Amino acid sequence: MQQLSNSPAPESHTDSYSPSQRALGRIVRPILLWLTNPVLRILATFHVSPNLLSLLQIPLGILMIIVIPTNHAAVLFLIAACLTLDGLDGLLARFTGTANLFGALVDQCADQIREVLTVAAVAGIGVLSPVIGTVYGVLYPLTNIGLYLVNARGGSVTPTFKSVLTFYPFLALYLLGGPNWLDAAGSLTLAAMSLTVAQCLWALRRLLT
């Protein structure tokens, strides 16, 4: 006769965040909701969909590729706009009570496409190694898929590193007219993503056996 365990089932999450990032989000999110309340009210009044905010990152990412050869300031503005949309979509979903699994999936897919387009933009003008850019475009989705699968099965992976901390500061430095350290920053980011993918595979191996 099979015995039932009294221990609680592991909590699953349909996202690609680490426990530390999720804990930080619980602290920061109420502050952001308060700060952005006027903007969220306007968006809700005009019935703007959180999914629309997520998907807007994709044409903005394509626009980066078009304008980066001639206008670095515009690219910096587009990156800031994408990161703002990335934050507002989830806040708007919570503000309007429309947060759901499909919206979370749209958000993650749009984020990944925008990230790949951003890297393609700088690689396309030769300021980032095409090898680094190509591997980046493969590893970034793999890290998010791996974290999603681990979280969905109640596991966890930590620490993880977000490219907004390891790559984007150096990208902003270059776009502002500073030195080009993108290959070094890209290599650091690839190392961090490789570690995350390895951790995800190890965690899934334990969770599936």
N, C-alpha and C. Protein backbone atom coordinates (compact mmCIF):
# COMPACT_ATOMS: atom_id res chain seq x y z
N MET A 1 0.85 -1.19 0.00
CA MET A 1 0.00 0.00 0.00
C MET A 1 0.89 1.25 0.00
N GLN A 2 0.60 2.19 -0.88
CA GLN A 2 1.42 3.38 -1.01
C GLN A 2 1.16 4.32 0.16
N GLN A 3 2.23 4.81 0.77
CA GLN A 3 2.10 5.75 1.86
C GLN A 3 2.12 7.17 1.33
N LEU A 4 1.27 8.00 1.90
CA LEU A 4 1.19 9.38 1.49
C LEU A 4 2.09 10.22 2.38
N SER A 5 2.83 11.09 1.78
CA SER A 5 3.73 11.96 2.53
C SER A 5 2.96 13.13 3.11
N ASN A 6 3.29 13.50 4.35
CA ASN A 6 2.65 14.65 4.99
C ASN A 6 3.35 15.96 4.66
N SER A 7 4.52 15.87 4.00
CA SER A 7 5.25 17.08 3.67
C SER A 7 4.55 17.80 2.53
N PRO A 8 4.52 19.12 2.54
CA PRO A 8 3.84 19.86 1.49
C PRO A 8 4.52 19.70 0.15
N ALA A 9 3.73 19.72 -0.92
CA ALA A 9 4.29 19.61 -2.25
C ALA A 9 5.09 20.86 -2.56
N PRO A 10 6.17 20.72 -3.32
CA PRO A 10 6.95 21.90 -3.66
C PRO A 10 6.13 22.90 -4.46
N GLU A 11 6.32 24.17 -4.14
CA GLU A 11 5.56 25.23 -4.82
C GLU A 11 6.12 25.45 -6.21
N SER A 12 5.25 25.45 -7.21
CA SER A 12 5.69 25.65 -8.58
C SER A 12 5.40 27.09 -9.00
N HIS A 13 6.17 27.57 -9.97
CA HIS A 13 6.01 28.92 -10.48
C HIS A 13 6.11 28.89 -11.99
N THR A 14 5.24 29.65 -12.64
CA THR A 14 5.27 29.70 -14.11
C THR A 14 6.03 30.97 -14.54
N ASP A 15 7.30 31.02 -14.18
CA ASP A 15 8.13 32.14 -14.58
C ASP A 15 9.56 31.65 -14.72
N SER A 16 10.46 32.55 -15.08
CA SER A 16 11.87 32.18 -15.25
C SER A 16 12.75 32.98 -14.29
N TYR A 17 12.26 33.13 -13.04
CA TYR A 17 13.01 33.87 -12.03
C TYR A 17 13.57 32.92 -10.98
N SER A 18 14.68 33.33 -10.38
CA SER A 18 15.24 32.57 -9.28
C SER A 18 14.50 32.95 -7.99
N PRO A 19 14.63 32.16 -6.92
CA PRO A 19 13.96 32.52 -5.66
C PRO A 19 14.36 33.90 -5.15
N SER A 20 15.64 34.25 -5.28
CA SER A 20 16.09 35.56 -4.79
C SER A 20 15.47 36.69 -5.61
N GLN A 21 15.37 36.49 -6.93
CA GLN A 21 14.75 37.51 -7.78
C GLN A 21 13.27 37.64 -7.47
N ARG A 22 12.62 36.51 -7.19
CA ARG A 22 11.19 36.54 -6.86
C ARG A 22 10.97 37.24 -5.52
N ALA A 23 11.86 36.98 -4.57
CA ALA A 23 11.75 37.64 -3.26
C ALA A 23 11.97 39.14 -3.39
N LEU A 24 12.95 39.54 -4.21
CA LEU A 24 13.19 40.96 -4.44
C LEU A 24 11.98 41.60 -5.10
N GLY A 25 11.36 40.88 -6.04
CA GLY A 25 10.17 41.40 -6.71
C GLY A 25 9.03 41.66 -5.74
N ARG A 26 8.87 40.79 -4.73
CA ARG A 26 7.79 40.99 -3.75
C ARG A 26 8.02 42.25 -2.93
N ILE A 27 9.27 42.63 -2.76
CA ILE A 27 9.58 43.85 -2.01
C ILE A 27 9.42 45.09 -2.89
N VAL A 28 9.95 45.00 -4.11
CA VAL A 28 10.00 46.17 -4.99
C VAL A 28 8.66 46.44 -5.68
N ARG A 29 7.90 45.38 -5.98
CA ARG A 29 6.69 45.55 -6.79
C ARG A 29 5.68 46.52 -6.17
N PRO A 30 5.38 46.43 -4.85
CA PRO A 30 4.43 47.41 -4.29
C PRO A 30 4.91 48.85 -4.43
N ILE A 31 6.22 49.06 -4.32
CA ILE A 31 6.77 50.40 -4.48
C ILE A 31 6.58 50.88 -5.92
N LEU A 32 6.86 49.99 -6.88
CA LEU A 32 6.69 50.35 -8.29
C LEU A 32 5.23 50.62 -8.63
N LEU A 33 4.34 49.81 -8.05
CA LEU A 33 2.91 50.03 -8.29
C LEU A 33 2.48 51.40 -7.79
N TRP A 34 3.02 51.82 -6.66
CA TRP A 34 2.69 53.13 -6.11
C TRP A 34 3.27 54.25 -6.98
N LEU A 35 4.52 54.07 -7.42
CA LEU A 35 5.18 55.10 -8.21
C LEU A 35 4.54 55.27 -9.59
N THR A 36 4.12 54.15 -10.17
CA THR A 36 3.57 54.20 -11.54
C THR A 36 2.05 54.27 -11.56
N ASN A 37 1.43 54.46 -10.41
CA ASN A 37 -0.03 54.45 -10.33
C ASN A 37 -0.69 55.40 -11.32
N PRO A 38 -0.23 56.66 -11.48
CA PRO A 38 -0.87 57.55 -12.46
C PRO A 38 -0.80 57.01 -13.89
N VAL A 39 0.36 56.47 -14.26
CA VAL A 39 0.52 55.91 -15.61
C VAL A 39 -0.39 54.70 -15.79
N LEU A 40 -0.42 53.84 -14.79
CA LEU A 40 -1.25 52.64 -14.87
C LEU A 40 -2.73 53.00 -14.98
N ARG A 41 -3.15 54.04 -14.27
CA ARG A 41 -4.55 54.48 -14.35
C ARG A 41 -4.90 54.96 -15.76
N ILE A 42 -3.98 55.70 -16.38
CA ILE A 42 -4.22 56.18 -17.75
C ILE A 42 -4.31 55.00 -18.71
N LEU A 43 -3.37 54.05 -18.59
CA LEU A 43 -3.39 52.88 -19.48
C LEU A 43 -4.66 52.07 -19.28
N ALA A 44 -5.09 51.92 -18.03
CA ALA A 44 -6.31 51.15 -17.76
C ALA A 44 -7.53 51.89 -18.29
N THR A 45 -7.55 53.21 -18.20
CA THR A 45 -8.68 54.00 -18.69
C THR A 45 -8.88 53.80 -20.19
N PHE A 46 -7.77 53.71 -20.92
CA PHE A 46 -7.84 53.51 -22.37
C PHE A 46 -7.82 52.03 -22.76
N HIS A 47 -7.98 51.15 -21.76
CA HIS A 47 -8.08 49.71 -21.98
C HIS A 47 -6.87 49.15 -22.74
N VAL A 48 -5.69 49.65 -22.40
CA VAL A 48 -4.46 49.14 -23.01
C VAL A 48 -4.16 47.77 -22.41
N SER A 49 -3.92 46.80 -23.25
CA SER A 49 -3.67 45.44 -22.80
C SER A 49 -2.22 45.28 -22.34
N PRO A 50 -1.99 44.60 -21.22
CA PRO A 50 -0.61 44.30 -20.81
C PRO A 50 0.15 43.53 -21.89
N ASN A 51 -0.55 42.66 -22.62
CA ASN A 51 0.10 41.90 -23.69
C ASN A 51 0.58 42.82 -24.81
N LEU A 52 -0.16 43.90 -25.06
CA LEU A 52 0.25 44.86 -26.08
C LEU A 52 1.57 45.53 -25.66
N LEU A 53 1.69 45.89 -24.39
CA LEU A 53 2.93 46.49 -23.91
C LEU A 53 4.09 45.52 -24.09
N SER A 54 3.85 44.23 -23.80
CA SER A 54 4.90 43.23 -23.97
C SER A 54 5.32 43.13 -25.43
N LEU A 55 4.34 43.02 -26.32
CA LEU A 55 4.64 42.78 -27.74
C LEU A 55 5.23 44.01 -28.42
N LEU A 56 5.01 45.20 -27.88
CA LEU A 56 5.59 46.41 -28.47
C LEU A 56 7.12 46.38 -28.45
N GLN A 57 7.69 45.55 -27.56
CA GLN A 57 9.15 45.45 -27.52
C GLN A 57 9.72 44.89 -28.82
N ILE A 58 8.96 44.08 -29.52
CA ILE A 58 9.47 43.43 -30.73
C ILE A 58 9.70 44.43 -31.86
N PRO A 59 8.70 45.27 -32.24
CA PRO A 59 8.99 46.27 -33.28
C PRO A 59 10.05 47.27 -32.84
N LEU A 60 10.12 47.59 -31.56
CA LEU A 60 11.17 48.50 -31.09
C LEU A 60 12.54 47.84 -31.24
N GLY A 61 12.61 46.53 -31.01
CA GLY A 61 13.86 45.81 -31.21
C GLY A 61 14.28 45.81 -32.67
N ILE A 62 13.33 45.63 -33.58
CA ILE A 62 13.62 45.68 -35.01
C ILE A 62 14.10 47.08 -35.40
N LEU A 63 13.48 48.10 -34.80
CA LEU A 63 13.86 49.48 -35.08
C LEU A 63 15.30 49.75 -34.65
N MET A 64 15.75 49.08 -33.56
CA MET A 64 17.14 49.23 -33.12
C MET A 64 18.10 48.82 -34.24
N ILE A 65 17.82 47.71 -34.89
CA ILE A 65 18.69 47.21 -35.96
C ILE A 65 18.75 48.21 -37.11
N ILE A 66 17.63 48.90 -37.36
CA ILE A 66 17.56 49.84 -38.48
C ILE A 66 18.35 51.12 -38.18
N VAL A 67 18.24 51.63 -36.96
CA VAL A 67 18.80 52.96 -36.67
C VAL A 67 20.20 52.93 -36.07
N ILE A 68 20.66 51.77 -35.58
CA ILE A 68 21.94 51.76 -34.87
C ILE A 68 23.13 52.19 -35.73
N PRO A 69 23.16 51.97 -37.04
CA PRO A 69 24.32 52.43 -37.81
C PRO A 69 24.49 53.95 -37.81
N THR A 70 23.42 54.69 -37.60
CA THR A 70 23.50 56.15 -37.74
C THR A 70 23.12 56.92 -36.48
N ASN A 71 22.45 56.30 -35.53
CA ASN A 71 21.95 57.07 -34.39
C ASN A 71 22.00 56.24 -33.11
N HIS A 72 23.11 56.33 -32.38
CA HIS A 72 23.26 55.58 -31.14
C HIS A 72 22.34 56.10 -30.04
N ALA A 73 22.09 57.42 -30.03
CA ALA A 73 21.21 57.98 -29.01
C ALA A 73 19.80 57.41 -29.14
N ALA A 74 19.35 57.21 -30.38
CA ALA A 74 18.01 56.65 -30.59
C ALA A 74 17.95 55.21 -30.09
N VAL A 75 19.03 54.46 -30.28
CA VAL A 75 19.07 53.08 -29.79
C VAL A 75 19.00 53.05 -28.27
N LEU A 76 19.72 53.96 -27.63
CA LEU A 76 19.68 54.03 -26.17
C LEU A 76 18.28 54.34 -25.68
N PHE A 77 17.59 55.25 -26.38
CA PHE A 77 16.21 55.56 -26.04
C PHE A 77 15.31 54.35 -26.23
N LEU A 78 15.50 53.61 -27.32
CA LEU A 78 14.67 52.43 -27.60
C LEU A 78 14.89 51.35 -26.54
N ILE A 79 16.14 51.18 -26.11
CA ILE A 79 16.42 50.20 -25.06
C ILE A 79 15.70 50.59 -23.78
N ALA A 80 15.78 51.88 -23.41
CA ALA A 80 15.10 52.36 -22.21
C ALA A 80 13.60 52.16 -22.33
N ALA A 81 13.05 52.40 -23.54
CA ALA A 81 11.62 52.21 -23.75
C ALA A 81 11.23 50.75 -23.59
N CYS A 82 12.05 49.84 -24.13
CA CYS A 82 11.76 48.41 -24.02
C CYS A 82 11.80 47.95 -22.57
N LEU A 83 12.80 48.39 -21.82
CA LEU A 83 12.91 47.99 -20.42
C LEU A 83 11.74 48.57 -19.61
N THR A 84 11.30 49.77 -19.98
CA THR A 84 10.13 50.35 -19.31
C THR A 84 8.88 49.54 -19.59
N LEU A 85 8.69 49.17 -20.86
CA LEU A 85 7.54 48.33 -21.22
C LEU A 85 7.59 46.99 -20.51
N ASP A 86 8.81 46.45 -20.40
CA ASP A 86 9.00 45.16 -19.74
C ASP A 86 8.56 45.23 -18.28
N GLY A 87 8.75 46.38 -17.65
CA GLY A 87 8.31 46.53 -16.27
C GLY A 87 6.83 46.86 -16.16
N LEU A 88 6.34 47.67 -17.09
CA LEU A 88 4.95 48.12 -17.00
C LEU A 88 3.94 47.03 -17.31
N ASP A 89 4.29 46.07 -18.18
CA ASP A 89 3.29 45.07 -18.58
C ASP A 89 2.81 44.25 -17.38
N GLY A 90 3.75 43.78 -16.56
CA GLY A 90 3.36 43.01 -15.39
C GLY A 90 2.64 43.86 -14.35
N LEU A 91 3.10 45.10 -14.16
CA LEU A 91 2.44 45.99 -13.21
C LEU A 91 1.01 46.30 -13.64
N LEU A 92 0.81 46.52 -14.95
CA LEU A 92 -0.53 46.80 -15.45
C LEU A 92 -1.44 45.59 -15.29
N ALA A 93 -0.89 44.40 -15.52
CA ALA A 93 -1.70 43.18 -15.36
C ALA A 93 -2.17 43.02 -13.92
N ARG A 94 -1.30 43.32 -12.97
CA ARG A 94 -1.68 43.23 -11.56
C ARG A 94 -2.64 44.36 -11.18
N PHE A 95 -2.40 45.55 -11.72
CA PHE A 95 -3.25 46.71 -11.41
C PHE A 95 -4.68 46.47 -11.88
N THR A 96 -4.82 45.86 -13.05
CA THR A 96 -6.15 45.63 -13.62
C THR A 96 -6.73 44.27 -13.26
N GLY A 97 -5.97 43.46 -12.54
CA GLY A 97 -6.46 42.14 -12.16
C GLY A 97 -6.56 41.17 -13.31
N THR A 98 -5.74 41.37 -14.34
CA THR A 98 -5.80 40.51 -15.53
C THR A 98 -4.58 39.61 -15.67
N ALA A 99 -3.77 39.50 -14.63
CA ALA A 99 -2.58 38.65 -14.70
C ALA A 99 -3.01 37.20 -14.88
N ASN A 100 -2.40 36.50 -15.84
CA ASN A 100 -2.72 35.10 -16.09
C ASN A 100 -1.51 34.41 -16.73
N LEU A 101 -1.60 33.10 -16.89
CA LEU A 101 -0.48 32.31 -17.41
C LEU A 101 -0.16 32.68 -18.86
N PHE A 102 -1.19 32.94 -19.66
CA PHE A 102 -0.94 33.31 -21.06
C PHE A 102 -0.18 34.63 -21.14
N GLY A 103 -0.57 35.59 -20.32
CA GLY A 103 0.12 36.87 -20.31
C GLY A 103 1.57 36.72 -19.89
N ALA A 104 1.82 35.84 -18.91
CA ALA A 104 3.20 35.61 -18.48
C ALA A 104 4.03 35.00 -19.61
N LEU A 105 3.40 34.12 -20.40
CA LEU A 105 4.10 33.50 -21.53
C LEU A 105 4.39 34.53 -22.62
N VAL A 106 3.42 35.39 -22.92
CA VAL A 106 3.62 36.45 -23.91
C VAL A 106 4.75 37.36 -23.46
N ASP A 107 4.76 37.71 -22.18
CA ASP A 107 5.80 38.58 -21.62
C ASP A 107 7.18 37.98 -21.82
N GLN A 108 7.33 36.70 -21.46
CA GLN A 108 8.64 36.06 -21.56
C GLN A 108 9.08 35.91 -23.01
N CYS A 109 8.16 35.56 -23.90
CA CYS A 109 8.53 35.42 -25.32
C CYS A 109 8.96 36.76 -25.91
N ALA A 110 8.22 37.81 -25.59
CA ALA A 110 8.56 39.14 -26.10
C ALA A 110 9.91 39.59 -25.56
N ASP A 111 10.16 39.33 -24.28
CA ASP A 111 11.45 39.70 -23.68
C ASP A 111 12.60 39.01 -24.40
N GLN A 112 12.44 37.72 -24.69
CA GLN A 112 13.51 36.96 -25.32
C GLN A 112 13.76 37.45 -26.75
N ILE A 113 12.70 37.73 -27.49
CA ILE A 113 12.87 38.22 -28.86
C ILE A 113 13.55 39.57 -28.85
N ARG A 114 13.13 40.45 -27.95
CA ARG A 114 13.76 41.78 -27.84
C ARG A 114 15.23 41.67 -27.48
N GLU A 115 15.57 40.76 -26.58
CA GLU A 115 16.97 40.59 -26.18
C GLU A 115 17.83 40.16 -27.37
N VAL A 116 17.33 39.19 -28.12
CA VAL A 116 18.06 38.70 -29.29
C VAL A 116 18.21 39.80 -30.34
N LEU A 117 17.16 40.59 -30.55
CA LEU A 117 17.22 41.68 -31.52
C LEU A 117 18.23 42.75 -31.08
N THR A 118 18.29 43.01 -29.79
CA THR A 118 19.25 44.00 -29.28
C THR A 118 20.68 43.55 -29.54
N VAL A 119 20.97 42.30 -29.26
CA VAL A 119 22.31 41.76 -29.49
C VAL A 119 22.61 41.72 -30.99
N ALA A 120 21.61 41.37 -31.78
CA ALA A 120 21.80 41.35 -33.23
C ALA A 120 22.13 42.74 -33.77
N ALA A 121 21.56 43.76 -33.16
CA ALA A 121 21.81 45.13 -33.60
C ALA A 121 23.28 45.50 -33.44
N VAL A 122 23.85 45.22 -32.27
CA VAL A 122 25.26 45.60 -32.04
C VAL A 122 26.21 44.67 -32.78
N ALA A 123 25.84 43.40 -32.92
CA ALA A 123 26.68 42.48 -33.69
C ALA A 123 26.65 42.84 -35.17
N GLY A 124 25.52 43.35 -35.64
CA GLY A 124 25.37 43.67 -37.05
C GLY A 124 26.25 44.81 -37.52
N ILE A 125 26.63 45.72 -36.61
CA ILE A 125 27.51 46.82 -37.01
C ILE A 125 28.97 46.55 -36.64
N GLY A 126 29.26 45.32 -36.19
CA GLY A 126 30.63 44.90 -35.97
C GLY A 126 31.26 45.31 -34.66
N VAL A 127 30.47 45.79 -33.69
CA VAL A 127 31.06 46.18 -32.40
C VAL A 127 30.95 45.06 -31.36
N LEU A 128 30.32 43.97 -31.75
CA LEU A 128 30.26 42.77 -30.92
C LEU A 128 30.60 41.58 -31.81
N SER A 129 31.46 40.70 -31.31
CA SER A 129 31.86 39.53 -32.08
C SER A 129 30.63 38.75 -32.56
N PRO A 130 30.56 38.39 -33.83
CA PRO A 130 29.41 37.62 -34.32
C PRO A 130 29.29 36.26 -33.64
N VAL A 131 30.43 35.69 -33.23
CA VAL A 131 30.38 34.41 -32.51
C VAL A 131 29.70 34.60 -31.16
N ILE A 132 30.11 35.65 -30.43
CA ILE A 132 29.49 35.93 -29.14
C ILE A 132 28.01 36.24 -29.32
N GLY A 133 27.69 37.03 -30.35
CA GLY A 133 26.30 37.37 -30.61
C GLY A 133 25.45 36.15 -30.92
N THR A 134 26.00 35.22 -31.71
CA THR A 134 25.26 34.02 -32.07
C THR A 134 25.03 33.12 -30.87
N VAL A 135 26.09 32.88 -30.09
CA VAL A 135 25.96 32.03 -28.90
C VAL A 135 25.01 32.67 -27.90
N TYR A 136 25.09 33.99 -27.78
CA TYR A 136 24.18 34.73 -26.89
C TYR A 136 22.73 34.46 -27.30
N GLY A 137 22.48 34.54 -28.61
CA GLY A 137 21.12 34.35 -29.11
C GLY A 137 20.59 32.94 -28.87
N VAL A 138 21.49 31.98 -28.67
CA VAL A 138 21.08 30.60 -28.36
C VAL A 138 20.92 30.40 -26.86
N LEU A 139 21.92 30.88 -26.10
CA LEU A 139 21.92 30.63 -24.66
C LEU A 139 20.83 31.40 -23.92
N TYR A 140 20.54 32.62 -24.36
CA TYR A 140 19.55 33.41 -23.63
C TYR A 140 18.18 32.72 -23.56
N PRO A 141 17.63 32.26 -24.70
CA PRO A 141 16.36 31.52 -24.59
C PRO A 141 16.50 30.24 -23.77
N LEU A 142 17.64 29.56 -23.88
CA LEU A 142 17.82 28.32 -23.13
C LEU A 142 17.79 28.55 -21.63
N THR A 143 18.39 29.66 -21.17
CA THR A 143 18.36 29.95 -19.73
C THR A 143 16.93 30.15 -19.26
N ASN A 144 16.15 30.89 -20.03
CA ASN A 144 14.78 31.18 -19.62
C ASN A 144 13.90 29.93 -19.68
N ILE A 145 14.10 29.12 -20.73
CA ILE A 145 13.33 27.87 -20.83
C ILE A 145 13.70 26.93 -19.69
N GLY A 146 15.00 26.83 -19.41
CA GLY A 146 15.46 25.96 -18.33
C GLY A 146 14.90 26.39 -16.99
N LEU A 147 14.96 27.69 -16.69
CA LEU A 147 14.42 28.19 -15.42
C LEU A 147 12.92 27.96 -15.34
N TYR A 148 12.22 28.16 -16.45
CA TYR A 148 10.78 27.94 -16.47
C TYR A 148 10.45 26.48 -16.15
N LEU A 149 11.16 25.54 -16.77
CA LEU A 149 10.89 24.12 -16.55
C LEU A 149 11.19 23.71 -15.10
N VAL A 150 12.30 24.22 -14.57
CA VAL A 150 12.65 23.90 -13.18
C VAL A 150 11.61 24.47 -12.23
N ASN A 151 11.23 25.73 -12.43
CA ASN A 151 10.25 26.35 -11.55
C ASN A 151 8.89 25.66 -11.64
N ALA A 152 8.50 25.27 -12.86
CA ALA A 152 7.20 24.63 -13.05
C ALA A 152 7.12 23.29 -12.32
N ARG A 153 8.27 22.66 -12.09
CA ARG A 153 8.30 21.37 -11.38
C ARG A 153 8.61 21.53 -9.90
N GLY A 154 8.58 22.78 -9.43
CA GLY A 154 8.77 23.01 -8.01
C GLY A 154 10.21 23.07 -7.56
N GLY A 155 11.15 23.10 -8.51
CA GLY A 155 12.56 23.22 -8.16
C GLY A 155 12.99 24.67 -8.13
N SER A 156 14.29 24.88 -7.94
CA SER A 156 14.82 26.23 -7.93
C SER A 156 16.27 26.22 -8.35
N VAL A 157 16.70 27.30 -8.94
CA VAL A 157 18.09 27.48 -9.37
C VAL A 157 18.56 28.83 -8.88
N THR A 158 19.66 28.86 -8.18
CA THR A 158 20.23 30.11 -7.71
C THR A 158 21.72 29.92 -7.47
N PRO A 159 22.56 30.93 -7.71
CA PRO A 159 22.17 32.25 -8.18
C PRO A 159 22.03 32.27 -9.70
N THR A 160 21.29 33.23 -10.20
CA THR A 160 21.21 33.48 -11.64
C THR A 160 21.58 34.93 -11.90
N PHE A 161 22.01 35.22 -13.12
CA PHE A 161 22.46 36.56 -13.45
C PHE A 161 21.67 37.06 -14.65
N LYS A 162 21.14 38.25 -14.54
CA LYS A 162 20.38 38.86 -15.62
C LYS A 162 21.30 39.72 -16.48
N SER A 163 21.08 39.67 -17.79
CA SER A 163 21.92 40.42 -18.72
C SER A 163 21.81 41.92 -18.50
N VAL A 164 20.71 42.36 -17.89
CA VAL A 164 20.56 43.79 -17.63
C VAL A 164 21.64 44.29 -16.67
N LEU A 165 22.26 43.36 -15.94
CA LEU A 165 23.34 43.73 -15.02
C LEU A 165 24.72 43.48 -15.60
N THR A 166 24.85 42.49 -16.48
CA THR A 166 26.17 42.11 -16.97
C THR A 166 26.49 42.62 -18.38
N PHE A 167 25.47 42.95 -19.15
CA PHE A 167 25.69 43.37 -20.54
C PHE A 167 25.21 44.79 -20.82
N TYR A 168 24.02 45.11 -20.35
CA TYR A 168 23.42 46.39 -20.69
C TYR A 168 24.19 47.61 -20.19
N PRO A 169 24.81 47.58 -19.01
CA PRO A 169 25.59 48.76 -18.61
C PRO A 169 26.72 49.07 -19.59
N PHE A 170 27.39 48.05 -20.11
CA PHE A 170 28.47 48.26 -21.06
C PHE A 170 27.93 48.68 -22.43
N LEU A 171 26.74 48.18 -22.76
CA LEU A 171 26.10 48.61 -24.01
C LEU A 171 25.74 50.09 -23.93
N ALA A 172 25.19 50.51 -22.78
CA ALA A 172 24.86 51.93 -22.60
C ALA A 172 26.12 52.78 -22.65
N LEU A 173 27.21 52.28 -22.05
CA LEU A 173 28.48 53.02 -22.07
C LEU A 173 28.95 53.24 -23.50
N TYR A 174 28.88 52.20 -24.32
CA TYR A 174 29.30 52.33 -25.71
C TYR A 174 28.41 53.29 -26.48
N LEU A 175 27.10 53.18 -26.30
CA LEU A 175 26.16 54.02 -27.04
C LEU A 175 26.30 55.49 -26.64
N LEU A 176 26.79 55.74 -25.43
CA LEU A 176 27.00 57.11 -24.97
C LEU A 176 28.34 57.68 -25.43
N GLY A 177 29.07 56.91 -26.22
CA GLY A 177 30.35 57.39 -26.75
C GLY A 177 31.56 56.92 -25.98
N GLY A 178 31.35 55.98 -25.08
CA GLY A 178 32.45 55.46 -24.29
C GLY A 178 33.19 54.35 -25.01
N PRO A 179 34.12 53.68 -24.30
CA PRO A 179 34.89 52.60 -24.92
C PRO A 179 34.02 51.39 -25.23
N ASN A 180 34.47 50.61 -26.19
CA ASN A 180 33.74 49.40 -26.59
C ASN A 180 34.30 48.20 -25.83
N TRP A 181 33.61 47.81 -24.77
CA TRP A 181 33.96 46.64 -23.98
C TRP A 181 32.89 45.55 -24.13
N LEU A 182 32.19 45.58 -25.27
CA LEU A 182 31.05 44.68 -25.45
C LEU A 182 31.47 43.22 -25.56
N ASP A 183 32.63 42.94 -26.18
CA ASP A 183 33.07 41.55 -26.26
C ASP A 183 33.34 40.98 -24.87
N ALA A 184 33.98 41.79 -24.01
CA ALA A 184 34.25 41.35 -22.65
C ALA A 184 32.95 41.16 -21.87
N ALA A 185 32.04 42.13 -22.01
CA ALA A 185 30.75 42.03 -21.31
C ALA A 185 29.94 40.86 -21.85
N GLY A 186 29.98 40.66 -23.18
CA GLY A 186 29.27 39.54 -23.77
C GLY A 186 29.82 38.21 -23.30
N SER A 187 31.15 38.10 -23.20
CA SER A 187 31.78 36.86 -22.73
C SER A 187 31.39 36.58 -21.28
N LEU A 188 31.37 37.63 -20.45
CA LEU A 188 30.95 37.48 -19.06
C LEU A 188 29.51 37.00 -18.98
N THR A 189 28.66 37.59 -19.82
CA THR A 189 27.25 37.21 -19.83
C THR A 189 27.07 35.77 -20.30
N LEU A 190 27.84 35.36 -21.31
CA LEU A 190 27.77 33.97 -21.79
C LEU A 190 28.19 33.00 -20.70
N ALA A 191 29.23 33.35 -19.94
CA ALA A 191 29.67 32.49 -18.85
C ALA A 191 28.58 32.35 -17.79
N ALA A 192 27.93 33.47 -17.46
CA ALA A 192 26.85 33.45 -16.47
C ALA A 192 25.67 32.62 -16.97
N MET A 193 25.32 32.78 -18.25
CA MET A 193 24.20 32.02 -18.81
C MET A 193 24.54 30.54 -18.90
N SER A 194 25.79 30.21 -19.24
CA SER A 194 26.20 28.81 -19.30
C SER A 194 26.08 28.15 -17.94
N LEU A 195 26.45 28.89 -16.88
CA LEU A 195 26.32 28.37 -15.52
C LEU A 195 24.85 28.12 -15.19
N THR A 196 23.99 29.04 -15.59
CA THR A 196 22.56 28.88 -15.31
C THR A 196 22.00 27.67 -16.05
N VAL A 197 22.37 27.50 -17.33
CA VAL A 197 21.89 26.35 -18.10
C VAL A 197 22.36 25.04 -17.46
N ALA A 198 23.62 24.99 -17.03
CA ALA A 198 24.16 23.79 -16.38
C ALA A 198 23.39 23.50 -15.09
N GLN A 199 23.10 24.55 -14.31
CA GLN A 199 22.33 24.36 -13.07
C GLN A 199 20.93 23.85 -13.36
N CYS A 200 20.32 24.38 -14.42
CA CYS A 200 18.97 23.94 -14.79
C CYS A 200 18.96 22.47 -15.18
N LEU A 201 19.95 22.05 -15.98
CA LEU A 201 20.03 20.65 -16.39
C LEU A 201 20.22 19.74 -15.19
N TRP A 202 21.07 20.16 -14.27
CA TRP A 202 21.31 19.35 -13.06
C TRP A 202 20.05 19.27 -12.21
N ALA A 203 19.34 20.40 -12.08
CA ALA A 203 18.11 20.41 -11.29
C ALA A 203 17.02 19.55 -11.94
N LEU A 204 16.90 19.64 -13.28
CA LEU A 204 15.89 18.85 -13.98
C LEU A 204 16.23 17.36 -13.89
N ARG A 205 17.51 17.03 -13.91
CA ARG A 205 17.92 15.63 -13.78
C ARG A 205 17.43 15.06 -12.44
N ARG A 206 17.57 15.86 -11.38
CA ARG A 206 17.11 15.40 -10.06
C ARG A 206 15.59 15.36 -9.97
N LEU A 207 14.94 16.36 -10.60
CA LEU A 207 13.47 16.45 -10.50
C LEU A 207 12.77 15.37 -11.33
N LEU A 208 13.44 14.89 -12.38
CA LEU A 208 12.81 13.92 -13.29
C LEU A 208 13.19 12.50 -12.97
N THR A 209 14.01 12.27 -11.96
CA THR A 209 14.40 10.91 -11.58
C THR A 209 13.89 10.56 -10.20
